[in-house]
Amino acid sequence: MTKLAWIFSLAVLAVAAGGTAFYYIQHQQVEQPAAALPSSPEPSVIAPQQKRDDEMQRRKLEGIGSTKSLKPVPIPQGNTR
């Protein structure tokens, strides 16, 4: 191999090694803060969801929004396309 080919090969290897090191450092920095977050949800977040579910169940049992109580709506005969 010529001297220029050796220099080019070493440059390619150096860039690849540098890129790998950079990727590893950046990837590790991104992963570390995510591990510090709490894994359990807050109780105040769960309570409104349960309240909303109870409200929906109550409405269903009372018949709010029943299709039986719907009334026909007249369609205007105006300018249609």
C-alpha atoms as a PDB file:
ATOM      1  CA  MET A   1       0.000   0.000   0.000  1.00  0.00           C
ATOM      2  CA  THR A   2       1.156   3.473  -0.621  1.00  0.00           C
ATOM      3  CA  LYS A   3       1.816   5.963   2.093  1.00  0.00           C
ATOM      4  CA  LEU A   4      -1.292   7.960   1.142  1.00  0.00           C
ATOM      5  CA  ALA A   5      -3.506   4.853   1.459  1.00  0.00           C
ATOM      6  CA  TRP A   6      -2.130   4.164   4.969  1.00  0.00           C
ATOM      7  CA  ILE A   7      -2.795   7.746   6.056  1.00  0.00           C
ATOM      8  CA  PHE A   8      -6.321   7.583   4.643  1.00  0.00           C
ATOM      9  CA  SER A   9      -7.011   4.251   6.393  1.00  0.00           C
ATOM     10  CA  LEU A  10      -5.770   5.562   9.731  1.00  0.00           C
ATOM     11  CA  ALA A  11      -7.850   8.719   9.316  1.00  0.00           C
ATOM     12  CA  VAL A  12     -10.967   6.651   8.662  1.00  0.00           C
ATOM     13  CA  LEU A  13     -10.285   4.529  11.740  1.00  0.00           C
ATOM     14  CA  ALA A  14      -9.677   7.621  13.879  1.00  0.00           C
ATOM     15  CA  VAL A  15     -12.953   9.203  12.729  1.00  0.00           C
ATOM     16  CA  ALA A  16     -14.835   5.962  13.392  1.00  0.00           C
ATOM     17  CA  ALA A  17     -13.336   5.628  16.876  1.00  0.00           C
ATOM     18  CA  GLY A  18     -14.087   9.275  17.646  1.00  0.00           C
ATOM     19  CA  GLY A  19     -17.659   8.943  16.406  1.00  0.00           C
ATOM     20  CA  THR A  20     -18.197   5.829  18.491  1.00  0.00           C
ATOM     21  CA  ALA A  21     -16.846   7.529  21.606  1.00  0.00           C
ATOM     22  CA  PHE A  22     -18.989  10.614  20.987  1.00  0.00           C
ATOM     23  CA  TYR A  23     -22.118   8.504  20.490  1.00  0.00           C
ATOM     24  CA  TYR A  24     -21.421   6.497  23.649  1.00  0.00           C
ATOM     25  CA  ILE A  25     -20.914   9.650  25.749  1.00  0.00           C
ATOM     26  CA  GLN A  26     -24.037  11.340  24.381  1.00  0.00           C
ATOM     27  CA  HIS A  27     -26.147   8.193  24.778  1.00  0.00           C
ATOM     28  CA  GLN A  28     -25.034   7.731  28.368  1.00  0.00           C
ATOM     29  CA  GLN A  29     -25.836  11.371  29.197  1.00  0.00           C
ATOM     30  CA  VAL A  30     -29.353  10.962  27.821  1.00  0.00           C
ATOM     31  CA  GLU A  31     -29.974   7.733  29.737  1.00  0.00           C
ATOM     32  CA  GLN A  32     -28.868   8.918  33.176  1.00  0.00           C
ATOM     33  CA  PRO A  33     -31.519  11.640  33.834  1.00  0.00           C
ATOM     34  CA  ALA A  34     -34.299   9.255  32.813  1.00  0.00           C
ATOM     35  CA  ALA A  35     -33.266   6.802  35.547  1.00  0.00           C
ATOM     36  CA  ALA A  36     -33.539   9.547  38.196  1.00  0.00           C
ATOM     37  CA  LEU A  37     -37.270  10.136  37.588  1.00  0.00           C
ATOM     38  CA  PRO A  38     -39.702   8.606  40.118  1.00  0.00           C
ATOM     39  CA  SER A  39     -41.332   5.464  38.831  1.00  0.00           C
ATOM     40  CA  SER A  40     -44.553   5.576  40.889  1.00  0.00           C
ATOM     41  CA  PRO A  41     -47.400   7.879  39.844  1.00  0.00           C
ATOM     42  CA  GLU A  42     -48.625  10.529  42.236  1.00  0.00           C
ATOM     43  CA  PRO A  43     -51.833   9.722  44.143  1.00  0.00           C
ATOM     44  CA  SER A  44     -53.357  13.104  43.181  1.00  0.00           C
ATOM     45  CA  VAL A  45     -53.203  12.091  39.510  1.00  0.00           C
ATOM     46  CA  ILE A  46     -55.053   8.824  40.115  1.00  0.00           C
ATOM     47  CA  ALA A  47     -57.896  10.352  42.146  1.00  0.00           C
ATOM     48  CA  PRO A  48     -59.339  12.618  39.362  1.00  0.00           C
ATOM     49  CA  GLN A  49     -59.331   9.683  36.936  1.00  0.00           C
ATOM     50  CA  GLN A  50     -61.316   7.573  39.386  1.00  0.00           C
ATOM     51  CA  LYS A  51     -63.710  10.494  39.966  1.00  0.00           C
ATOM     52  CA  ARG A  52     -64.191  10.906  36.198  1.00  0.00           C
ATOM     53  CA  ASP A  53     -64.903   7.186  35.805  1.00  0.00           C
ATOM     54  CA  ASP A  54     -67.460   7.338  38.620  1.00  0.00           C
ATOM     55  CA  GLU A  55     -69.137  10.343  36.969  1.00  0.00           C
ATOM     56  CA  MET A  56     -69.348   8.522  33.622  1.00  0.00           C
ATOM     57  CA  GLN A  57     -70.797   5.443  35.289  1.00  0.00           C
ATOM     58  CA  ARG A  58     -73.405   7.566  37.061  1.00  0.00           C
ATOM     59  CA  ARG A  59     -74.406   9.259  33.787  1.00  0.00           C
ATOM     60  CA  LYS A  60     -74.755   5.920  32.048  1.00  0.00           C
ATOM     61  CA  LEU A  61     -76.963   4.583  34.811  1.00  0.00           C
ATOM     62  CA  GLU A  62     -79.152   7.705  34.757  1.00  0.00           C
ATOM     63  CA  GLY A  63     -79.559   7.498  30.981  1.00  0.00           C
ATOM     64  CA  ILE A  64     -77.987  10.861  30.133  1.00  0.00           C
ATOM     65  CA  GLY A  65     -77.250  10.912  26.434  1.00  0.00           C
ATOM     66  CA  SER A  66     -79.682   8.147  25.562  1.00  0.00           C
ATOM     67  CA  THR A  67     -80.556   7.832  21.875  1.00  0.00           C
ATOM     68  CA  LYS A  68     -84.196   7.281  22.824  1.00  0.00           C
ATOM     69  CA  SER A  69     -84.578  10.914  23.903  1.00  0.00           C
ATOM     70  CA  LEU A  70     -83.253  12.388  20.646  1.00  0.00           C
ATOM     71  CA  LYS A  71     -85.570  14.575  18.567  1.00  0.00           C
ATOM     72  CA  PRO A  72     -85.419  15.045  14.802  1.00  0.00           C
ATOM     73  CA  VAL A  73     -83.716  18.191  13.534  1.00  0.00           C
ATOM     74  CA  PRO A  74     -85.111  19.796  10.377  1.00  0.00           C
ATOM     75  CA  ILE A  75     -82.657  20.149   7.512  1.00  0.00           C
ATOM     76  CA  PRO A  76     -82.856  23.529   5.772  1.00  0.00           C
ATOM     77  CA  GLN A  77     -83.715  23.341   2.053  1.00  0.00           C
ATOM     78  CA  GLY A  78     -81.442  26.283   1.205  1.00  0.00           C
ATOM     79  CA  ASN A  79     -78.442  26.458  -1.069  1.00  0.00           C
ATOM     80  CA  THR A  80     -76.854  22.966  -1.143  1.00  0.00           C
ATOM     81  CA  ARG A  81     -73.937  21.757  -3.215  1.00  0.00           C
END
